[in-house]
Amino acid sequence: MTLRIFSCVCLIIATGCASVPAVQHPTLEIALPEEWSAENSRSGALEVTWWEDFDDSGLAAAIDVALSQNYDLRAATARLEQAAAAAEATEGDLQPTLQTTFNGSRRKQNFVGFPIPGSEGQVLSTVSTNYGVSLDLSWEIDLWGRLRNTARAALTDLQASAADLRGVQLSIAGQTTKAWFAIAEAQQQVDLSRQTVRSFQSSVEQVQERFNAGIRPALDLRLALLNLSNAEAQLQQSLQQFDGTVRQLQLLLGQYADGQFETPTELPEITPEVPAGLPADLVARRPDLAGAERRLAGFLIRADVARSDLLPRLSLTNATGTATDGLRSLIDGNFGVWSLLGNVVAPLWQGGRLRAQVERADAQGAEALANYANAALTAYAEVETALASEEFLAERERHLTESALQARAAERLAEERYRAGLENYITVLDSQRSAVSAEASLITARQTRLENRVDLYLALGGGFEQLEAPVQLSVLEGQ
């Protein structure tokens, strides 16, 4: 009999396992444009390894290290593994539980009032021994899909964790790329500061000679020395900034931040325009939106679970085994015992607790929907902002390039007029400071433009494919 019940249970389980919920992005209450408002947007799909567009082998190698050694990424991988284990555990609730039990007991009983003849003062007693072994099977029949929906909700959590992991991968790649560019920018600022110190040292020597010859006043010498001291202070600030960015990159790479790292020296040229695709495609390209949609799906399924709790539950319990006073008889079928129980539990009065749980689940679903809509609007805004910034920053860099050229030309002219005695030293100082400031601003503008390009890649979702599956997840197949 037990075998027949177990066979039926297996058949029902084979047809009743939880399925992976389909992805259904909700419709937003706003009208989406057919294409991005920026004129420089173009169609096409992003590559997963978008950083290769910068054509920097050192950057690509650094990102490979970060994606394998970064501890934030390892933590995200561990969270995904936790979600996988939780999903597997809820799948187990759909199946019957089968366990075996062995017990043994020894009991002594005194029969007060029944003395043993010829044994004055002694009481009649008996000692009994009992051994038992049983095989117990229990199963809740999922009449209303409560257990299946619970398992399906756990699968949405697993899918959301997978999207979160891709989001962390994307973020780590973006942070590493920005840190790489920040190091190159800091290195160029250090080089500019050193060049400035050398130039100002040369100016001090020239002014010193003119002062010693009585041609120029002491004020010129003092101003030249002031300029040199400021340049040397700026050099130390540039070195500090460079050191900090190197250590930050090492932290992203999962390394000890000792400041010893082979660093880039040049900022790469800006790559061609990024294929931004269409606004309607963004929800499928962003890992944060994919995760938000999966969490919304999970809340909607859990609302169904809460409603199922209002309905009766049916469960079956079967036990079979032997009970005997001798160990050798445990396998003797003549001492066999079995039981089959069925029970139906229906909630009648819970003080409004179950109804309140349904209302709470519905409210959580509404909150998740609002969060999804807000995340989608934020995503669209990030793409539009990054696309618009592409044009603004390109134009700014063009003007700063011209500014740096004119500033250096003005500096050379001011120095020539000073040596000819046609200009005072204040004009030379102003021209020198303007030239240094213009070149420093140009370097920063190039780095800012590269950072904005990275932000655009991130805003578009970076291709949104798993770079490497850290765990084998059969339940996610077919997503």
Protein backbone atom coordinates (compact mmCIF):
# COMPACT_ATOMS: atom_id res chain seq x y z
CA MET A 1 0.00 0.00 0.00
CA THR A 2 2.80 2.39 0.89
CA LEU A 3 4.47 1.66 -2.44
CA ARG A 4 1.29 2.54 -4.34
CA ILE A 5 0.95 5.85 -2.47
CA PHE A 6 4.58 6.71 -3.07
CA SER A 7 4.23 5.96 -6.80
CA CYS A 8 1.21 8.25 -7.07
CA VAL A 9 3.05 11.00 -5.23
CA CYS A 10 6.00 10.76 -7.62
CA LEU A 11 3.66 10.97 -10.62
CA ILE A 12 1.96 14.10 -9.28
CA ILE A 13 5.31 15.68 -8.45
CA ALA A 14 6.59 15.04 -11.96
CA THR A 15 3.71 17.10 -13.37
CA GLY A 16 3.48 19.75 -10.65
CA CYS A 17 6.93 21.29 -10.25
CA ALA A 18 7.17 25.06 -10.21
CA SER A 19 7.90 26.72 -13.54
CA VAL A 20 10.14 29.73 -14.06
CA PRO A 21 7.90 32.84 -14.22
CA ALA A 22 8.02 34.57 -17.60
CA VAL A 23 9.52 38.05 -17.86
CA GLN A 24 6.82 40.67 -18.34
CA HIS A 25 7.94 44.26 -18.11
CA PRO A 26 4.97 46.39 -17.01
CA THR A 27 3.71 49.16 -19.25
CA LEU A 28 4.66 52.61 -17.95
CA GLU A 29 2.07 55.35 -17.72
CA ILE A 30 4.20 57.64 -19.85
CA ALA A 31 4.65 57.86 -23.61
CA LEU A 32 8.11 56.76 -24.70
CA PRO A 33 9.68 58.39 -27.76
CA GLU A 34 10.56 56.21 -30.69
CA GLU A 35 14.19 57.30 -30.48
CA TRP A 36 16.48 59.23 -28.17
CA SER A 37 16.30 63.01 -28.30
CA ALA A 38 20.05 63.40 -28.76
CA GLU A 39 21.07 63.89 -32.36
CA ASN A 40 24.23 61.81 -31.98
CA SER A 41 22.42 58.59 -31.02
CA ARG A 42 22.46 55.68 -33.42
CA SER A 43 20.99 52.18 -33.55
CA GLY A 44 22.84 49.00 -32.78
CA ALA A 45 23.64 46.70 -29.89
CA LEU A 46 26.37 47.10 -27.31
CA GLU A 47 29.07 44.51 -26.85
CA VAL A 48 29.34 42.90 -23.42
CA THR A 49 33.04 43.80 -23.29
CA TRP A 50 32.38 47.45 -24.17
CA TRP A 51 35.66 48.60 -22.62
CA GLU A 52 37.50 47.09 -25.57
CA ASP A 53 36.23 50.06 -27.60
CA PHE A 54 38.92 52.16 -25.88
CA ASP A 55 41.60 49.97 -27.49
CA ASP A 56 43.70 49.79 -24.32
CA SER A 57 45.13 46.35 -23.56
CA GLY A 58 46.21 47.46 -20.09
CA LEU A 59 42.66 48.51 -19.25
CA ALA A 60 41.25 45.22 -20.57
CA ALA A 61 43.73 43.26 -18.43
CA ALA A 62 42.85 45.32 -15.33
CA ILE A 63 39.13 44.67 -15.83
CA ASP A 64 39.79 40.94 -16.23
CA VAL A 65 41.54 40.98 -12.86
CA ALA A 66 38.76 43.01 -11.24
CA LEU A 67 36.04 40.66 -12.51
CA SER A 68 37.86 37.68 -11.04
CA GLN A 69 39.24 39.11 -7.78
CA ASN A 70 37.01 41.97 -6.64
CA TYR A 71 35.47 41.14 -3.26
CA ASP A 72 32.22 43.03 -3.86
CA LEU A 73 31.74 40.80 -6.87
CA ARG A 74 32.51 37.71 -4.82
CA ALA A 75 29.92 38.81 -2.26
CA ALA A 76 27.34 39.24 -5.04
CA THR A 77 28.20 35.75 -6.31
CA ALA A 78 27.66 34.36 -2.83
CA ARG A 79 24.27 36.09 -2.65
CA LEU A 80 23.32 34.44 -5.93
CA GLU A 81 24.33 31.06 -4.56
CA GLN A 82 22.19 31.74 -1.48
CA ALA A 83 19.21 32.54 -3.69
CA ALA A 84 19.82 29.34 -5.66
CA ALA A 85 19.84 27.29 -2.46
CA ALA A 86 16.66 29.02 -1.24
CA ALA A 87 14.92 28.29 -4.54
CA GLU A 88 15.97 24.66 -4.34
CA ALA A 89 14.66 24.45 -0.78
CA THR A 90 11.23 25.79 -1.75
CA GLU A 91 11.10 23.34 -4.65
CA GLY A 92 11.54 20.63 -2.03
CA ASP A 93 8.29 21.67 -0.32
CA LEU A 94 6.42 20.42 -3.38
CA GLN A 95 7.69 16.91 -2.78
CA PRO A 96 6.78 14.47 0.00
CA THR A 97 9.05 14.01 2.97
CA LEU A 98 10.28 10.50 3.66
CA GLN A 99 12.14 9.57 6.81
CA THR A 100 13.01 6.48 8.80
CA THR A 101 12.89 6.13 12.56
CA PHE A 102 14.38 3.57 14.89
CA ASN A 103 13.48 3.47 18.58
CA GLY A 104 14.07 1.17 21.48
CA SER A 105 12.72 1.19 25.04
CA ARG A 106 12.99 -0.86 28.21
CA ARG A 107 10.35 -0.56 30.93
CA LYS A 108 9.97 -1.91 34.43
CA GLN A 109 6.57 -2.03 36.16
CA ASN A 110 5.90 -2.81 39.84
CA PHE A 111 2.63 -4.49 40.87
CA VAL A 112 1.96 -3.06 44.29
CA GLY A 113 -0.25 -5.34 46.40
CA PHE A 114 0.92 -8.52 44.74
CA PRO A 115 3.78 -9.84 46.95
CA ILE A 116 5.79 -12.80 45.80
CA PRO A 117 4.90 -15.90 47.85
CA GLY A 118 7.71 -16.82 50.21
CA SER A 119 9.47 -13.52 49.69
CA GLU A 120 8.40 -11.36 52.55
CA GLY A 121 8.66 -7.62 51.77
CA GLN A 122 9.31 -8.01 48.05
CA VAL A 123 6.98 -6.57 45.32
CA LEU A 124 6.01 -8.32 42.11
CA SER A 125 7.46 -6.52 39.01
CA THR A 126 7.98 -7.10 35.33
CA VAL A 127 10.46 -5.80 32.76
CA SER A 128 9.47 -5.33 29.09
CA THR A 129 11.57 -4.45 26.05
CA ASN A 130 10.28 -2.98 22.78
CA TYR A 131 12.01 -2.14 19.48
CA GLY A 132 10.51 -0.42 16.51
CA VAL A 133 11.49 0.77 13.06
CA SER A 134 9.27 2.80 10.76
CA LEU A 135 9.28 4.48 7.37
CA ASP A 136 7.21 7.68 7.46
CA LEU A 137 5.95 9.58 4.44
CA SER A 138 4.04 12.87 4.58
CA TRP A 139 2.84 15.12 1.79
CA GLU A 140 0.75 18.25 1.49
CA ILE A 141 -1.39 18.14 -1.63
CA ASP A 142 -1.01 21.50 -3.34
CA LEU A 143 -4.69 22.00 -4.17
CA TRP A 144 -4.58 25.76 -4.77
CA GLY A 145 -1.00 26.16 -6.01
CA ARG A 146 0.25 27.71 -2.77
CA LEU A 147 3.45 25.67 -2.68
CA ARG A 148 4.04 26.01 -6.42
CA ASN A 149 3.63 29.77 -6.21
CA THR A 150 5.98 29.93 -3.23
CA ALA A 151 8.57 28.07 -5.29
CA ARG A 152 7.94 30.33 -8.29
CA ALA A 153 8.43 33.40 -6.10
CA ALA A 154 11.75 31.99 -4.93
CA LEU A 155 12.74 31.54 -8.57
CA THR A 156 12.06 35.23 -9.20
CA ASP A 157 14.35 36.02 -6.28
CA LEU A 158 16.99 33.87 -7.92
CA GLN A 159 16.54 35.64 -11.25
CA ALA A 160 16.73 39.02 -9.51
CA SER A 161 19.97 37.98 -7.82
CA ALA A 162 21.37 36.93 -11.20
CA ALA A 163 20.50 40.38 -12.56
CA ASP A 164 22.07 41.98 -9.49
CA LEU A 165 25.25 40.03 -10.11
CA ARG A 166 25.39 41.32 -13.68
CA GLY A 167 24.80 44.80 -12.31
CA VAL A 168 27.73 44.43 -9.95
CA GLN A 169 29.89 43.14 -12.80
CA LEU A 170 28.89 46.15 -14.88
CA SER A 171 29.57 48.51 -11.98
CA ILE A 172 32.98 47.00 -11.23
CA ALA A 173 33.95 47.24 -14.90
CA GLY A 174 32.80 50.88 -14.95
CA GLN A 175 34.60 51.79 -11.73
CA THR A 176 37.78 50.11 -12.92
CA THR A 177 37.63 51.94 -16.25
CA LYS A 178 37.06 55.28 -14.53
CA ALA A 179 39.89 54.61 -12.09
CA TRP A 180 42.17 53.73 -15.02
CA PHE A 181 41.36 57.02 -16.74
CA ALA A 182 41.70 58.92 -13.46
CA ILE A 183 45.22 57.53 -13.05
CA ALA A 184 46.15 58.57 -16.58
CA GLU A 185 44.71 62.03 -15.96
CA ALA A 186 46.53 62.29 -12.62
CA GLN A 187 49.78 61.21 -14.29
CA GLN A 188 49.41 63.89 -16.94
CA GLN A 189 48.70 66.46 -14.24
CA VAL A 190 51.89 65.34 -12.45
CA ASP A 191 53.84 65.68 -15.70
CA LEU A 192 52.36 69.15 -16.25
CA SER A 193 53.23 70.16 -12.68
CA ARG A 194 56.81 68.98 -13.07
CA GLN A 195 57.11 70.81 -16.37
CA THR A 196 55.72 73.92 -14.68
CA VAL A 197 58.21 73.69 -11.84
CA ARG A 198 61.09 73.42 -14.30
CA SER A 199 59.75 76.37 -16.31
CA PHE A 200 59.31 78.52 -13.22
CA GLN A 201 62.78 77.58 -11.97
CA SER A 202 64.15 78.82 -15.26
CA SER A 203 62.18 82.06 -14.83
CA VAL A 204 63.58 82.54 -11.32
CA GLU A 205 67.12 82.12 -12.65
CA GLN A 206 66.51 84.69 -15.38
CA VAL A 207 64.94 87.19 -12.97
CA GLN A 208 67.76 86.54 -10.48
CA GLU A 209 70.35 87.43 -13.11
CA ARG A 210 68.51 90.64 -14.01
CA PHE A 211 68.12 91.53 -10.35
CA ASN A 212 71.83 90.94 -9.67
CA ALA A 213 72.64 93.13 -12.66
CA GLY A 214 70.38 95.83 -11.23
CA ILE A 215 68.06 95.71 -14.25
CA ARG A 216 64.94 94.47 -12.43
CA PRO A 217 63.61 95.31 -8.96
CA ALA A 218 63.42 92.94 -5.98
CA LEU A 219 59.64 92.72 -6.47
CA ASP A 220 60.10 90.76 -9.69
CA LEU A 221 62.35 88.29 -7.90
CA ARG A 222 59.88 87.89 -5.05
CA LEU A 223 57.01 87.27 -7.46
CA ALA A 224 59.04 84.72 -9.42
CA LEU A 225 59.92 82.87 -6.20
CA LEU A 226 56.25 82.97 -5.17
CA ASN A 227 55.22 81.47 -8.47
CA LEU A 228 57.79 78.70 -8.09
CA SER A 229 56.67 77.86 -4.57
CA ASN A 230 53.05 77.62 -5.68
CA ALA A 231 54.07 75.35 -8.55
CA GLU A 232 56.01 73.07 -6.19
CA ALA A 233 53.02 72.91 -3.86
CA GLN A 234 50.77 72.05 -6.81
CA LEU A 235 53.20 69.28 -7.78
CA GLN A 236 52.81 67.69 -4.35
CA GLN A 237 49.04 67.90 -4.61
CA SER A 238 49.18 66.24 -8.04
CA LEU A 239 51.41 63.48 -6.66
CA GLN A 240 48.97 62.92 -3.80
CA GLN A 241 46.05 62.71 -6.21
CA PHE A 242 47.96 60.24 -8.37
CA ASP A 243 48.86 58.09 -5.38
CA GLY A 244 45.25 57.98 -4.19
CA THR A 245 43.88 56.94 -7.57
CA VAL A 246 46.42 54.15 -7.89
CA ARG A 247 45.47 52.76 -4.49
CA GLN A 248 41.79 53.00 -5.37
CA LEU A 249 42.38 50.94 -8.50
CA GLN A 250 44.27 48.33 -6.49
CA LEU A 251 41.30 48.08 -4.12
CA LEU A 252 38.98 47.44 -7.07
CA LEU A 253 41.36 44.74 -8.29
CA GLY A 254 41.22 43.00 -4.91
CA GLN A 255 44.88 43.79 -4.20
CA TYR A 256 46.70 45.30 -1.26
CA ALA A 257 46.80 49.06 -1.81
CA ASP A 258 50.55 49.64 -1.57
CA GLY A 259 50.61 52.17 -4.42
CA GLN A 260 52.94 49.98 -6.49
CA PHE A 261 51.24 49.39 -9.81
CA GLU A 262 52.10 49.71 -13.48
CA THR A 263 49.95 52.67 -14.41
CA PRO A 264 48.82 54.23 -17.71
CA THR A 265 50.41 57.48 -18.81
CA GLU A 266 48.10 58.61 -21.60
CA LEU A 267 44.38 59.10 -21.94
CA PRO A 268 42.98 57.15 -24.91
CA GLU A 269 41.30 58.85 -27.79
CA ILE A 270 37.55 59.02 -27.58
CA THR A 271 35.92 56.12 -29.38
CA PRO A 272 33.28 56.39 -32.11
CA GLU A 273 29.67 57.02 -31.16
CA VAL A 274 28.03 54.42 -28.94
CA PRO A 275 25.13 52.40 -30.42
CA ALA A 276 22.37 53.57 -28.08
CA GLY A 277 19.57 51.50 -29.59
CA LEU A 278 15.94 52.47 -28.99
CA PRO A 279 14.33 53.68 -25.75
CA ALA A 280 11.84 50.82 -25.81
CA ASP A 281 14.72 48.32 -25.69
CA LEU A 282 16.32 49.79 -22.56
CA VAL A 283 14.22 47.81 -20.07
CA ALA A 284 15.67 44.59 -21.46
CA ARG A 285 19.25 45.93 -21.48
CA ARG A 286 19.61 47.26 -17.95
CA PRO A 287 20.36 44.73 -15.18
CA ASP A 288 18.80 46.95 -12.52
CA LEU A 289 15.53 47.07 -14.46
CA ALA A 290 15.65 43.32 -15.03
CA GLY A 291 16.11 42.83 -11.29
CA ALA A 292 13.30 45.27 -10.46
CA GLU A 293 10.94 43.46 -12.83
CA ARG A 294 11.76 40.11 -11.25
CA ARG A 295 11.14 41.48 -7.75
CA LEU A 296 7.83 42.91 -8.90
CA ALA A 297 6.89 39.49 -10.32
CA GLY A 298 7.85 37.90 -7.00
CA PHE A 299 5.60 40.25 -5.00
CA LEU A 300 2.66 39.58 -7.32
CA ILE A 301 3.12 35.83 -6.93
CA ARG A 302 3.41 36.14 -3.15
CA ALA A 303 0.10 38.00 -3.14
CA ASP A 304 -1.44 34.85 -4.68
CA VAL A 305 0.26 32.79 -1.96
CA ALA A 306 -1.30 35.00 0.70
CA ARG A 307 -4.75 34.45 -0.84
CA SER A 308 -4.16 30.70 -0.90
CA ASP A 309 -3.60 30.79 2.86
CA LEU A 310 -7.32 31.60 3.20
CA LEU A 311 -8.22 28.21 1.70
CA PRO A 312 -8.16 24.71 3.25
CA ARG A 313 -5.05 22.53 3.16
CA LEU A 314 -5.04 18.78 2.57
CA SER A 315 -2.17 16.59 3.71
CA LEU A 316 -1.52 12.83 3.82
CA THR A 317 0.67 10.92 6.26
CA ASN A 318 1.65 7.29 5.87
CA ALA A 319 3.81 5.23 8.23
CA THR A 320 4.86 1.61 7.96
CA GLY A 321 7.28 -0.50 9.96
CA THR A 322 7.59 -3.14 12.68
CA ALA A 323 7.22 -3.21 16.45
CA THR A 324 8.61 -6.14 18.45
CA ASP A 325 10.34 -7.08 21.68
CA GLY A 326 13.35 -8.55 19.91
CA LEU A 327 15.90 -7.03 17.56
CA ARG A 328 15.89 -10.16 15.42
CA SER A 329 12.18 -9.73 14.71
CA LEU A 330 12.48 -6.25 13.22
CA ILE A 331 12.61 -7.68 9.71
CA ASP A 332 9.81 -10.17 10.36
CA GLY A 333 6.70 -9.12 8.47
CA ASN A 334 4.45 -10.73 11.10
CA PHE A 335 5.25 -7.84 13.42
CA GLY A 336 4.50 -5.19 10.81
CA VAL A 337 2.39 -2.12 11.59
CA TRP A 338 1.14 0.68 9.31
CA SER A 339 -1.04 3.74 9.39
CA LEU A 340 -2.52 6.12 6.84
CA LEU A 341 -3.84 9.51 7.92
CA GLY A 342 -5.43 12.33 6.00
CA ASN A 343 -6.35 15.71 7.37
CA VAL A 344 -7.92 18.87 6.11
CA VAL A 345 -7.14 22.15 7.86
CA ALA A 346 -9.33 25.13 7.06
CA PRO A 347 -8.86 28.55 8.67
CA LEU A 348 -12.06 29.71 10.38
CA TRP A 349 -10.99 32.56 12.63
CA GLN A 350 -7.58 34.19 12.65
CA GLY A 351 -8.49 37.59 13.99
CA GLY A 352 -8.07 39.16 10.55
CA ARG A 353 -4.41 38.11 10.34
CA LEU A 354 -4.71 36.29 7.00
CA ARG A 355 -6.73 39.07 5.38
CA ALA A 356 -4.18 41.59 6.60
CA GLN A 357 -1.39 39.52 5.04
CA VAL A 358 -3.23 39.63 1.70
CA GLU A 359 -3.55 43.41 1.94
CA ARG A 360 0.12 43.69 2.89
CA ALA A 361 1.16 41.56 -0.09
CA ASP A 362 -0.95 43.69 -2.44
CA ALA A 363 0.61 46.87 -1.03
CA GLN A 364 4.11 45.41 -1.47
CA GLY A 365 3.26 44.68 -5.10
CA ALA A 366 2.09 48.26 -5.59
CA GLU A 367 5.30 49.53 -4.02
CA ALA A 368 7.40 47.31 -6.27
CA LEU A 369 5.53 48.58 -9.32
CA ALA A 370 6.16 52.19 -8.31
CA ASN A 371 9.84 51.43 -7.68
CA TYR A 372 10.10 49.80 -11.09
CA ALA A 373 8.52 52.81 -12.80
CA ASN A 374 10.85 55.19 -10.97
CA ALA A 375 13.89 53.05 -11.84
CA ALA A 376 12.83 53.02 -15.50
CA LEU A 377 12.39 56.80 -15.61
CA THR A 378 15.79 57.22 -13.94
CA ALA A 379 17.35 54.90 -16.51
CA TYR A 380 15.90 56.84 -19.43
CA ALA A 381 17.08 60.11 -17.87
CA GLU A 382 20.60 58.73 -17.41
CA VAL A 383 20.83 57.74 -21.06
CA GLU A 384 19.44 61.05 -22.31
CA THR A 385 21.77 63.01 -20.01
CA ALA A 386 24.84 61.04 -21.05
CA LEU A 387 23.98 61.39 -24.75
CA ALA A 388 23.48 65.13 -24.40
CA SER A 389 26.70 65.48 -22.39
CA GLU A 390 28.59 63.81 -25.24
CA GLU A 391 27.95 66.89 -27.39
CA PHE A 392 28.54 69.44 -24.62
CA LEU A 393 31.81 67.87 -23.51
CA ALA A 394 33.11 67.47 -27.06
CA GLU A 395 32.46 71.16 -27.71
CA ARG A 396 34.03 72.12 -24.39
CA GLU A 397 37.18 70.13 -25.16
CA ARG A 398 37.42 71.84 -28.55
CA HIS A 399 37.30 75.29 -26.94
CA LEU A 400 39.76 74.32 -24.20
CA THR A 401 42.18 73.01 -26.83
CA GLU A 402 42.10 76.40 -28.50
CA SER A 403 42.39 78.10 -25.11
CA ALA A 404 45.53 76.13 -24.25
CA LEU A 405 47.13 77.00 -27.59
CA GLN A 406 46.39 80.70 -27.17
CA ALA A 407 47.55 80.68 -23.55
CA ARG A 408 50.93 79.19 -24.44
CA ALA A 409 51.32 81.66 -27.28
CA ALA A 410 50.47 84.52 -24.91
CA GLU A 411 52.99 83.21 -22.39
CA ARG A 412 55.79 83.15 -24.97
CA LEU A 413 54.91 86.67 -26.14
CA ALA A 414 54.81 88.03 -22.59
CA GLU A 415 58.24 86.54 -21.81
CA GLU A 416 59.71 88.01 -25.02
CA ARG A 417 58.33 91.45 -24.23
CA TYR A 418 59.61 91.18 -20.65
CA ARG A 419 63.12 90.31 -21.78
CA ALA A 420 62.98 93.25 -24.18
CA GLY A 421 61.94 95.53 -21.34
CA LEU A 422 58.54 96.26 -22.92
CA GLU A 423 56.38 94.51 -20.28
CA ASN A 424 56.37 94.21 -16.49
CA TYR A 425 56.70 90.91 -14.69
CA ILE A 426 53.08 90.86 -13.50
CA THR A 427 51.99 90.23 -17.09
CA VAL A 428 54.45 87.34 -17.35
CA LEU A 429 53.12 85.79 -14.15
CA ASP A 430 49.52 86.08 -15.31
CA SER A 431 50.35 84.54 -18.68
CA GLN A 432 52.23 81.66 -17.04
CA ARG A 433 49.40 80.89 -14.63
CA SER A 434 46.83 81.12 -17.43
CA ALA A 435 48.81 78.72 -19.62
CA VAL A 436 49.17 76.15 -16.83
CA SER A 437 45.50 76.47 -15.88
CA ALA A 438 44.37 76.06 -19.49
CA GLU A 439 46.41 72.89 -20.00
CA ALA A 440 45.26 71.43 -16.68
CA SER A 441 41.64 72.15 -17.60
CA LEU A 442 42.12 70.52 -20.98
CA ILE A 443 43.49 67.34 -19.41
CA THR A 444 40.57 67.24 -16.97
CA ALA A 445 38.07 67.85 -19.78
CA ARG A 446 39.42 64.90 -21.75
CA GLN A 447 39.15 62.66 -18.71
CA THR A 448 35.64 63.94 -17.96
CA ARG A 449 34.59 63.18 -21.50
CA LEU A 450 35.90 59.63 -21.18
CA GLU A 451 34.08 59.23 -17.87
CA ASN A 452 30.86 60.38 -19.49
CA ARG A 453 31.36 57.79 -22.20
CA VAL A 454 31.67 55.14 -19.48
CA ASP A 455 28.50 56.48 -17.86
CA LEU A 456 26.74 56.10 -21.20
CA TYR A 457 27.85 52.48 -21.50
CA LEU A 458 26.59 51.84 -17.96
CA ALA A 459 23.31 53.68 -18.57
CA LEU A 460 22.66 51.51 -21.63
CA GLY A 461 23.24 48.33 -19.66
CA GLY A 462 26.57 47.38 -21.20
CA GLY A 463 25.06 44.57 -23.27
CA PHE A 464 23.45 42.90 -20.23
CA GLU A 465 24.77 39.38 -20.56
CA GLN A 466 26.34 37.28 -17.86
CA LEU A 467 30.10 37.48 -18.37
CA GLU A 468 30.65 34.24 -16.55
CA ALA A 469 28.13 32.04 -14.75
CA PRO A 470 29.54 31.59 -11.21
CA VAL A 471 27.11 28.79 -10.32
CA GLN A 472 25.27 26.21 -12.38
CA LEU A 473 21.61 27.21 -12.31
CA SER A 474 19.44 24.78 -14.22
CA VAL A 475 16.29 26.59 -13.10
CA LEU A 476 17.38 29.66 -15.03
CA GLU A 477 17.69 27.88 -18.34
CA GLY A 478 15.38 29.23 -20.95
CA GLN A 479 15.21 32.78 -19.54
